[in-house]
N, C-alpha and C. Protein backbone atom coordinates (compact mmCIF):
# COMPACT_ATOMS: atom_id res chain seq x y z
N MET A 1 -49.00 -19.03 -0.41
CA MET A 1 -48.27 -20.86 0.04
C MET A 1 -46.83 -20.80 -0.33
N CYS A 2 -45.94 -21.58 0.63
CA CYS A 2 -44.73 -21.43 0.21
C CYS A 2 -44.25 -22.84 0.38
N SER A 3 -43.74 -23.51 -0.24
CA SER A 3 -43.22 -24.68 0.38
C SER A 3 -41.96 -24.55 -0.51
N GLY A 4 -40.67 -24.40 0.81
CA GLY A 4 -39.47 -24.92 -0.20
C GLY A 4 -38.98 -25.93 -0.76
N ASP A 5 -37.94 -25.18 -2.09
CA ASP A 5 -37.43 -26.56 -2.65
C ASP A 5 -36.42 -27.10 -1.61
N HIS A 6 -36.38 -26.42 -0.76
CA HIS A 6 -35.12 -27.01 -0.28
C HIS A 6 -35.58 -27.82 1.36
N GLU A 7 -36.52 -27.42 1.41
CA GLU A 7 -37.26 -28.62 2.12
C GLU A 7 -37.12 -30.06 1.40
N ARG A 8 -37.82 -29.96 0.51
CA ARG A 8 -37.85 -31.36 -0.52
C ARG A 8 -36.36 -32.04 -0.63
N ARG A 9 -35.75 -31.00 -0.62
CA ARG A 9 -34.12 -31.17 -0.77
C ARG A 9 -33.69 -32.54 0.61
N VAL A 10 -34.03 -31.82 1.42
CA VAL A 10 -33.41 -31.90 3.15
C VAL A 10 -34.50 -32.95 3.17
N LYS A 11 -35.10 -33.32 2.57
CA LYS A 11 -36.06 -34.71 3.13
C LYS A 11 -35.68 -35.76 2.38
N ARG A 12 -35.39 -35.31 1.27
CA ARG A 12 -35.25 -36.25 0.33
C ARG A 12 -33.78 -36.94 0.77
N LYS A 13 -32.65 -35.85 1.14
CA LYS A 13 -31.29 -36.26 1.55
C LYS A 13 -31.22 -37.59 2.74
N PHE A 14 -32.06 -37.31 3.90
CA PHE A 14 -32.32 -38.13 4.53
C PHE A 14 -32.68 -39.58 4.06
N LEU A 15 -33.83 -39.53 3.42
CA LEU A 15 -34.38 -41.43 2.68
C LEU A 15 -33.42 -41.57 1.90
N LEU A 16 -32.40 -40.77 1.57
CA LEU A 16 -31.48 -41.77 0.90
C LEU A 16 -30.77 -41.78 1.32
N GLU A 17 -29.96 -41.22 2.73
CA GLU A 17 -29.33 -41.53 3.57
C GLU A 17 -29.00 -42.56 4.15
N ALA A 18 -30.53 -42.60 4.22
CA ALA A 18 -30.99 -43.71 5.19
C ALA A 18 -31.27 -45.24 4.29
N LEU A 19 -31.75 -45.03 3.12
CA LEU A 19 -31.06 -45.81 2.05
C LEU A 19 -29.66 -46.16 1.83
N ALA A 20 -29.18 -46.05 1.07
CA ALA A 20 -27.62 -46.15 1.86
C ALA A 20 -27.05 -46.63 2.91
N SER A 21 -27.03 -46.27 3.88
CA SER A 21 -26.71 -46.84 4.85
C SER A 21 -27.02 -48.10 5.60
N GLU A 22 -27.87 -48.92 5.09
CA GLU A 22 -28.40 -49.92 5.12
C GLU A 22 -27.94 -50.99 4.06
N LEU A 23 -27.33 -50.27 2.93
CA LEU A 23 -27.03 -51.29 1.43
C LEU A 23 -25.82 -51.38 1.15
N PRO A 24 -25.26 -51.88 0.71
CA PRO A 24 -23.88 -52.46 0.61
C PRO A 24 -23.31 -51.33 -0.66
N SER A 25 -21.42 -51.18 -0.56
CA SER A 25 -21.56 -49.62 -1.32
C SER A 25 -21.56 -50.28 -2.54
N GLY A 26 -21.91 -49.20 -2.89
CA GLY A 26 -22.39 -49.18 -5.02
C GLY A 26 -23.38 -49.50 -5.38
N THR A 27 -24.79 -50.00 -4.44
CA THR A 27 -25.58 -50.43 -4.58
C THR A 27 -26.54 -49.54 -5.09
N ILE A 28 -26.45 -48.45 -4.97
CA ILE A 28 -26.94 -46.97 -5.41
C ILE A 28 -27.05 -46.24 -6.56
N ARG A 29 -27.67 -46.19 -7.67
CA ARG A 29 -27.63 -45.53 -8.34
C ARG A 29 -27.95 -44.52 -8.69
N PHE A 30 -27.49 -43.37 -9.01
CA PHE A 30 -28.26 -41.75 -8.80
C PHE A 30 -27.75 -41.31 -10.20
N SER A 31 -28.93 -40.62 -10.25
CA SER A 31 -29.01 -39.26 -12.01
C SER A 31 -28.69 -40.35 -13.39
N SER A 32 -29.64 -41.72 -12.65
CA SER A 32 -29.60 -42.60 -13.81
C SER A 32 -31.27 -42.74 -14.88
N LYS A 33 -31.05 -42.22 -16.21
CA LYS A 33 -31.84 -42.22 -17.00
C LYS A 33 -32.43 -43.29 -17.31
N VAL A 34 -33.82 -44.22 -15.96
CA VAL A 34 -34.61 -45.66 -17.09
C VAL A 34 -35.27 -45.57 -18.60
N VAL A 35 -34.80 -46.08 -19.49
CA VAL A 35 -35.76 -46.49 -20.26
C VAL A 35 -36.97 -47.77 -20.79
N SER A 36 -36.41 -48.16 -20.10
CA SER A 36 -37.10 -49.31 -19.70
C SER A 36 -36.72 -50.01 -19.01
N ILE A 37 -38.23 -51.88 -18.76
CA ILE A 37 -37.50 -52.40 -17.59
C ILE A 37 -38.00 -53.90 -18.06
N GLU A 38 -37.30 -54.93 -17.99
CA GLU A 38 -37.88 -56.45 -18.12
C GLU A 38 -37.34 -56.90 -16.95
N GLU A 39 -38.21 -57.78 -17.47
CA GLU A 39 -38.20 -59.54 -15.89
C GLU A 39 -36.88 -60.01 -16.97
N SER A 40 -36.40 -60.69 -15.52
CA SER A 40 -35.60 -62.32 -16.36
C SER A 40 -35.50 -62.90 -15.11
N GLY A 41 -36.14 -63.42 -15.03
CA GLY A 41 -36.31 -64.40 -13.93
C GLY A 41 -36.33 -64.00 -12.33
N TYR A 42 -35.80 -64.56 -11.57
CA TYR A 42 -36.27 -63.00 -10.42
C TYR A 42 -35.63 -61.41 -10.11
N PHE A 43 -34.78 -61.62 -11.02
CA PHE A 43 -34.42 -60.45 -11.51
C PHE A 43 -35.38 -59.63 -12.59
N LYS A 44 -34.80 -57.80 -12.39
CA LYS A 44 -35.01 -57.17 -12.86
C LYS A 44 -33.81 -56.05 -13.70
N LEU A 45 -34.10 -56.47 -15.61
CA LEU A 45 -33.42 -55.84 -15.77
C LEU A 45 -33.23 -54.60 -16.65
N VAL A 46 -32.94 -53.58 -15.87
CA VAL A 46 -33.20 -51.94 -15.87
C VAL A 46 -31.93 -51.08 -17.03
N HIS A 47 -32.77 -51.07 -18.39
CA HIS A 47 -32.51 -50.42 -19.12
C HIS A 47 -31.75 -48.71 -18.93
N LEU A 48 -31.18 -48.63 -19.22
CA LEU A 48 -30.64 -47.49 -18.79
C LEU A 48 -30.48 -46.45 -20.51
N ALA A 49 -30.25 -44.92 -20.34
CA ALA A 49 -30.41 -44.36 -21.43
C ALA A 49 -28.25 -44.23 -21.49
N ASP A 50 -28.09 -44.28 -21.21
CA ASP A 50 -26.92 -44.31 -21.46
C ASP A 50 -26.07 -45.68 -22.01
N VAL A 51 -27.24 -46.82 -22.10
CA VAL A 51 -26.82 -48.04 -22.36
C VAL A 51 -26.46 -49.55 -21.72
N THR A 52 -26.16 -48.38 -20.18
CA THR A 52 -26.11 -49.49 -19.22
C THR A 52 -27.28 -50.43 -19.12
N ILE A 53 -27.44 -51.54 -19.03
CA ILE A 53 -28.31 -52.42 -18.28
C ILE A 53 -27.45 -53.21 -16.72
N LEU A 54 -28.63 -52.68 -16.35
CA LEU A 54 -28.69 -53.27 -14.63
C LEU A 54 -29.27 -54.21 -13.93
N LYS A 55 -28.63 -55.11 -13.63
CA LYS A 55 -29.21 -56.77 -12.76
C LYS A 55 -29.67 -56.20 -11.73
N ALA A 56 -30.95 -56.03 -11.29
CA ALA A 56 -31.44 -55.95 -9.67
C ALA A 56 -32.73 -56.97 -9.31
N LYS A 57 -32.59 -57.11 -7.84
CA LYS A 57 -33.13 -58.08 -7.35
C LYS A 57 -34.36 -57.11 -6.96
N VAL A 58 -33.88 -55.74 -6.42
CA VAL A 58 -35.09 -55.12 -5.48
C VAL A 58 -35.07 -53.60 -6.73
N LEU A 59 -36.42 -53.13 -6.97
CA LEU A 59 -35.52 -51.73 -7.94
C LEU A 59 -36.88 -50.92 -7.23
N VAL A 60 -36.25 -49.77 -6.72
CA VAL A 60 -36.95 -48.59 -6.42
C VAL A 60 -37.56 -47.40 -7.34
N GLY A 61 -38.46 -47.50 -7.70
CA GLY A 61 -38.96 -46.29 -8.79
C GLY A 61 -39.29 -44.78 -8.04
N CYS A 62 -38.18 -44.49 -7.66
CA CYS A 62 -38.85 -42.36 -7.78
C CYS A 62 -37.68 -41.58 -8.45
N ASP A 63 -38.15 -42.27 -9.42
CA ASP A 63 -37.96 -41.02 -10.92
C ASP A 63 -39.18 -40.39 -11.40
N GLY A 64 -40.13 -39.87 -10.53
CA GLY A 64 -40.83 -38.84 -10.85
C GLY A 64 -42.29 -38.62 -11.16
N VAL A 65 -43.17 -37.74 -11.46
CA VAL A 65 -44.44 -38.14 -11.98
C VAL A 65 -44.67 -38.58 -13.43
N ASN A 66 -44.04 -38.53 -14.52
CA ASN A 66 -43.54 -39.84 -15.56
C ASN A 66 -42.38 -40.68 -15.41
N SER A 67 -42.90 -41.17 -14.40
CA SER A 67 -42.06 -42.61 -14.13
C SER A 67 -42.00 -43.49 -15.17
N VAL A 68 -41.18 -44.52 -15.64
CA VAL A 68 -41.13 -45.29 -16.38
C VAL A 68 -41.55 -46.76 -15.45
N VAL A 69 -40.74 -46.96 -14.29
CA VAL A 69 -41.48 -47.99 -13.25
C VAL A 69 -42.39 -47.67 -12.72
N ALA A 70 -43.11 -46.74 -12.96
CA ALA A 70 -45.07 -46.46 -12.33
C ALA A 70 -45.82 -46.84 -13.61
N LYS A 71 -45.16 -46.35 -15.03
CA LYS A 71 -45.75 -47.20 -16.24
C LYS A 71 -45.16 -48.96 -16.20
N TRP A 72 -44.51 -49.37 -15.89
CA TRP A 72 -44.46 -50.87 -15.80
C TRP A 72 -44.69 -51.65 -14.66
N LEU A 73 -45.15 -50.77 -13.59
CA LEU A 73 -45.76 -51.80 -12.96
C LEU A 73 -47.15 -51.52 -13.44
N GLY A 74 -47.89 -51.23 -14.49
CA GLY A 74 -49.09 -51.11 -15.04
C GLY A 74 -49.84 -49.95 -14.42
N PHE A 75 -49.33 -48.49 -13.34
CA PHE A 75 -50.05 -47.87 -12.76
C PHE A 75 -51.00 -46.87 -14.24
N LYS A 76 -51.65 -46.06 -13.67
CA LYS A 76 -52.55 -45.21 -14.81
C LYS A 76 -51.78 -44.05 -14.76
N PRO A 77 -51.75 -43.70 -16.02
CA PRO A 77 -51.12 -41.52 -16.50
C PRO A 77 -51.30 -41.32 -14.61
N PRO A 78 -50.83 -40.25 -14.36
CA PRO A 78 -50.88 -39.10 -13.84
C PRO A 78 -51.84 -38.46 -14.46
N VAL A 79 -52.92 -37.38 -13.60
CA VAL A 79 -53.99 -37.04 -14.12
C VAL A 79 -53.67 -35.39 -13.70
N PHE A 80 -54.00 -34.42 -13.89
CA PHE A 80 -53.86 -32.90 -13.67
C PHE A 80 -54.79 -32.53 -12.57
N THR A 81 -54.34 -31.99 -12.19
CA THR A 81 -54.36 -30.94 -10.30
C THR A 81 -55.46 -29.80 -11.24
N ARG A 82 -55.54 -29.40 -12.51
CA ARG A 82 -55.97 -28.07 -12.82
C ARG A 82 -55.72 -26.69 -11.98
N ARG A 83 -54.68 -26.94 -11.32
CA ARG A 83 -53.35 -26.18 -10.82
C ARG A 83 -52.03 -26.27 -11.44
N SER A 84 -51.50 -24.76 -11.19
CA SER A 84 -49.73 -25.09 -11.70
C SER A 84 -49.23 -24.63 -10.39
N ALA A 85 -47.68 -25.02 -10.34
CA ALA A 85 -46.31 -24.74 -9.64
C ALA A 85 -45.71 -23.44 -10.32
N ILE A 86 -45.71 -22.76 -9.43
CA ILE A 86 -45.27 -21.49 -10.24
C ILE A 86 -43.45 -21.75 -9.06
N ARG A 87 -42.70 -21.32 -10.00
CA ARG A 87 -41.33 -21.76 -9.39
C ARG A 87 -40.19 -20.35 -9.48
N GLY A 88 -39.25 -20.03 -9.07
CA GLY A 88 -38.81 -18.81 -9.00
C GLY A 88 -37.10 -19.14 -8.37
N SER A 89 -36.03 -18.30 -8.72
CA SER A 89 -35.52 -18.17 -7.73
C SER A 89 -34.52 -16.78 -7.78
N ALA A 90 -33.92 -16.19 -6.71
CA ALA A 90 -33.36 -15.70 -6.24
C ALA A 90 -31.23 -15.74 -5.69
N GLU A 91 -30.43 -14.86 -5.76
CA GLU A 91 -29.86 -15.14 -5.21
C GLU A 91 -29.04 -13.50 -4.57
N PHE A 92 -29.22 -14.04 -2.91
CA PHE A 92 -29.17 -13.04 -2.15
C PHE A 92 -27.44 -13.25 -1.47
N LYS A 93 -27.02 -12.31 -1.79
CA LYS A 93 -25.08 -12.09 -1.06
C LYS A 93 -25.30 -12.32 0.83
N SER A 94 -24.50 -13.24 0.83
CA SER A 94 -24.61 -13.72 2.66
C SER A 94 -23.01 -13.33 2.93
N SER A 95 -23.00 -13.75 3.85
CA SER A 95 -21.27 -13.12 4.39
C SER A 95 -20.39 -13.63 3.75
N HIS A 96 -20.72 -14.71 2.94
CA HIS A 96 -19.46 -15.06 2.20
C HIS A 96 -19.97 -15.97 0.69
N GLU A 97 -21.08 -15.55 -0.26
CA GLU A 97 -21.37 -15.68 -0.94
C GLU A 97 -23.09 -15.51 -1.67
N PHE A 98 -23.21 -16.16 -2.74
CA PHE A 98 -24.83 -15.79 -2.76
C PHE A 98 -25.06 -17.27 -3.23
N ASP A 99 -26.45 -16.99 -2.28
CA ASP A 99 -27.23 -18.12 -1.71
C ASP A 99 -28.20 -18.36 -2.65
N PRO A 100 -28.30 -19.35 -3.34
CA PRO A 100 -29.69 -19.33 -4.61
C PRO A 100 -30.82 -19.73 -3.66
N ILE A 101 -32.08 -19.33 -3.71
CA ILE A 101 -32.59 -19.20 -2.90
C ILE A 101 -34.28 -20.32 -4.69
N MET A 102 -34.76 -21.25 -3.75
CA MET A 102 -35.62 -21.48 -4.68
C MET A 102 -37.25 -21.42 -3.71
N MET A 103 -38.14 -20.97 -4.80
CA MET A 103 -39.65 -20.54 -4.14
C MET A 103 -39.97 -21.97 -4.82
N GLN A 104 -41.49 -22.16 -4.36
CA GLN A 104 -42.31 -22.98 -5.45
C GLN A 104 -43.52 -22.17 -4.72
N PHE A 105 -44.62 -22.34 -5.79
CA PHE A 105 -45.78 -21.34 -5.17
C PHE A 105 -47.11 -22.53 -5.79
N THR A 106 -48.48 -22.68 -5.10
CA THR A 106 -49.47 -23.11 -6.10
C THR A 106 -50.14 -21.84 -6.29
N GLY A 107 -50.28 -22.10 -7.40
CA GLY A 107 -51.30 -20.76 -8.23
C GLY A 107 -52.05 -21.30 -9.07
N ASN A 108 -51.95 -20.36 -10.29
CA ASN A 108 -53.09 -20.47 -11.40
C ASN A 108 -51.74 -21.33 -12.89
N GLY A 109 -52.81 -20.91 -14.30
CA GLY A 109 -51.99 -20.88 -14.90
C GLY A 109 -51.18 -20.54 -16.02
N ARG A 110 -50.61 -18.95 -15.30
CA ARG A 110 -50.59 -17.78 -16.23
C ARG A 110 -49.22 -18.28 -16.64
N LYS A 111 -48.35 -18.23 -18.30
CA LYS A 111 -47.31 -18.45 -18.57
C LYS A 111 -46.30 -17.32 -18.16
N ASN A 112 -46.88 -15.75 -18.54
CA ASN A 112 -46.13 -14.36 -18.91
C ASN A 112 -45.58 -14.72 -17.20
N PRO A 113 -44.30 -14.78 -17.50
CA PRO A 113 -42.93 -14.00 -16.58
C PRO A 113 -43.58 -13.00 -15.23
N ALA A 114 -44.31 -11.85 -16.40
CA ALA A 114 -43.89 -10.68 -15.38
C ALA A 114 -45.13 -10.41 -15.08
N GLN A 115 -46.82 -11.90 -15.72
CA GLN A 115 -47.64 -11.91 -14.90
C GLN A 115 -47.70 -13.11 -13.66
N LEU A 116 -46.77 -13.76 -13.79
CA LEU A 116 -46.46 -14.75 -12.42
C LEU A 116 -46.27 -13.88 -11.99
N LYS A 117 -45.16 -12.68 -11.76
CA LYS A 117 -44.16 -12.47 -10.72
C LYS A 117 -45.24 -11.74 -9.60
N GLN A 118 -46.33 -11.14 -10.68
CA GLN A 118 -47.35 -9.42 -10.13
C GLN A 118 -47.87 -10.99 -9.87
N TYR A 119 -48.38 -11.87 -10.16
CA TYR A 119 -50.00 -12.08 -9.39
C TYR A 119 -48.91 -12.90 -7.73
N MET A 120 -47.62 -13.44 -7.75
CA MET A 120 -46.98 -14.08 -6.78
C MET A 120 -46.86 -12.37 -5.68
N LEU A 121 -46.44 -11.43 -5.81
CA LEU A 121 -46.62 -10.53 -5.22
C LEU A 121 -47.62 -9.95 -4.54
N THR A 122 -49.17 -10.67 -5.48
CA THR A 122 -50.21 -9.81 -4.46
C THR A 122 -50.55 -10.47 -3.63
N MET A 123 -50.63 -12.23 -4.17
CA MET A 123 -51.02 -13.58 -3.09
C MET A 123 -50.45 -13.54 -1.62
N LEU A 124 -49.03 -13.12 -1.15
CA LEU A 124 -47.90 -12.58 -0.46
C LEU A 124 -48.74 -12.35 0.37
N GLY A 125 -49.85 -11.22 0.52
CA GLY A 125 -50.48 -10.59 1.10
C GLY A 125 -49.25 -10.60 2.73
N LYS A 126 -49.46 -10.25 3.84
CA LYS A 126 -48.81 -9.63 4.85
C LYS A 126 -48.17 -10.40 5.51
N VAL A 127 -46.75 -10.47 4.70
CA VAL A 127 -45.48 -11.47 4.85
C VAL A 127 -44.19 -10.65 5.47
N PRO A 128 -43.01 -11.26 6.34
CA PRO A 128 -41.54 -10.28 6.68
C PRO A 128 -41.51 -9.93 5.33
N ASP A 129 -40.55 -8.44 5.69
CA ASP A 129 -40.24 -7.40 4.44
C ASP A 129 -39.19 -8.96 3.86
N GLU A 130 -38.51 -9.98 4.36
CA GLU A 130 -37.23 -10.51 4.40
C GLU A 130 -37.89 -11.67 3.00
N VAL A 131 -39.18 -12.07 3.44
CA VAL A 131 -39.75 -13.20 2.01
C VAL A 131 -40.07 -12.21 0.55
N ARG A 132 -40.82 -10.71 1.19
CA ARG A 132 -41.35 -10.20 0.06
C ARG A 132 -40.04 -9.75 -0.99
N ALA A 133 -38.44 -9.59 -0.39
CA ALA A 133 -37.34 -9.44 -0.84
C ALA A 133 -37.15 -10.72 -1.75
N VAL A 134 -37.33 -11.61 -1.01
CA VAL A 134 -36.92 -12.80 -2.12
C VAL A 134 -37.64 -12.54 -3.64
N MET A 135 -39.29 -12.58 -3.61
CA MET A 135 -40.24 -12.46 -4.76
C MET A 135 -39.63 -11.30 -5.45
N GLU A 136 -39.85 -10.40 -5.03
CA GLU A 136 -39.21 -8.82 -5.75
C GLU A 136 -37.67 -8.91 -6.41
N ASN A 137 -36.94 -9.54 -5.68
CA ASN A 137 -35.15 -9.59 -6.34
C ASN A 137 -35.81 -10.85 -7.46
N THR A 138 -35.91 -11.84 -8.07
CA THR A 138 -36.41 -12.25 -8.34
C THR A 138 -36.92 -11.98 -10.26
N VAL A 139 -35.33 -12.38 -11.08
CA VAL A 139 -35.34 -11.48 -11.76
C VAL A 139 -37.00 -12.25 -12.65
N LEU A 140 -36.65 -11.43 -13.83
CA LEU A 140 -38.20 -12.04 -14.70
C LEU A 140 -37.69 -13.55 -14.92
N ASP A 141 -36.78 -13.87 -15.76
CA ASP A 141 -36.41 -15.12 -16.52
C ASP A 141 -36.69 -16.17 -15.67
N ALA A 142 -37.05 -16.03 -14.34
CA ALA A 142 -36.95 -17.67 -13.47
C ALA A 142 -37.71 -17.66 -12.81
N PHE A 143 -38.90 -16.78 -13.32
CA PHE A 143 -39.99 -17.43 -12.92
C PHE A 143 -40.96 -18.43 -14.32
N THR A 144 -41.26 -19.49 -13.75
CA THR A 144 -41.42 -20.25 -14.46
C THR A 144 -42.92 -21.22 -13.89
N SER A 145 -44.28 -21.57 -14.45
CA SER A 145 -44.90 -22.30 -14.13
C SER A 145 -45.45 -23.81 -15.02
N SER A 146 -45.61 -24.95 -14.55
CA SER A 146 -45.97 -25.90 -14.72
C SER A 146 -47.27 -26.33 -14.48
N PRO A 147 -47.92 -26.85 -15.02
CA PRO A 147 -49.24 -27.93 -14.37
C PRO A 147 -48.01 -29.28 -13.54
N LEU A 148 -49.31 -29.15 -12.37
CA LEU A 148 -49.48 -29.61 -11.38
C LEU A 148 -50.02 -31.19 -11.70
N ARG A 149 -49.08 -32.82 -12.03
CA ARG A 149 -49.81 -33.85 -12.24
C ARG A 149 -49.60 -35.19 -10.58
N TYR A 150 -50.45 -35.79 -10.57
CA TYR A 150 -50.60 -36.52 -9.53
C TYR A 150 -50.60 -38.07 -9.50
N ARG A 151 -50.74 -39.03 -8.80
CA ARG A 151 -51.21 -40.05 -9.14
C ARG A 151 -52.95 -40.06 -7.53
N HIS A 152 -53.60 -40.96 -8.37
CA HIS A 152 -54.31 -40.75 -6.86
C HIS A 152 -54.06 -42.09 -6.60
N PRO A 153 -54.03 -42.14 -5.14
CA PRO A 153 -53.55 -42.79 -4.25
C PRO A 153 -54.58 -44.46 -4.15
N TRP A 154 -55.47 -44.32 -4.26
CA TRP A 154 -56.25 -45.74 -4.57
C TRP A 154 -55.92 -46.60 -5.75
N GLU A 155 -55.79 -45.31 -6.44
CA GLU A 155 -54.95 -46.39 -7.86
C GLU A 155 -53.14 -47.34 -7.57
N ILE A 156 -52.98 -46.60 -6.86
CA ILE A 156 -51.73 -47.20 -6.29
C ILE A 156 -51.52 -48.64 -6.28
N LEU A 157 -52.75 -48.57 -5.36
CA LEU A 157 -53.07 -49.53 -4.33
C LEU A 157 -53.83 -50.78 -4.42
């Protein structure tokens, strides 16, 4: 089972573009680590790691599974799924340059990169040679495994 990181980036890109097109210029702040949030009347004071404090009427928390926003909202901590995401990347020469390709697979919790690569090669089954080449050309150092976590949707409601 392969779901490309590229696909997620494209969907995220469309979401961010849609949000940005409806807001005044400069109202979105990207790549900022939220440290804490506090209320100040109708506003939220968002404290960032670089000691900046943002005063916001609306705060959209898309800061991942370890979300400071989710903690501030009182959400329960994410739970482990007993599965892991296995990730790797390979570069292939195209007509102009090397194109990085990111793969993400769901599998077991192996940690050794050689075992991860072998496991994924055996799980591919019958796939086009180009797909198998991505896996075979991925260097061992590029394979990582991390446990998957999520929040139960009924807890968010």
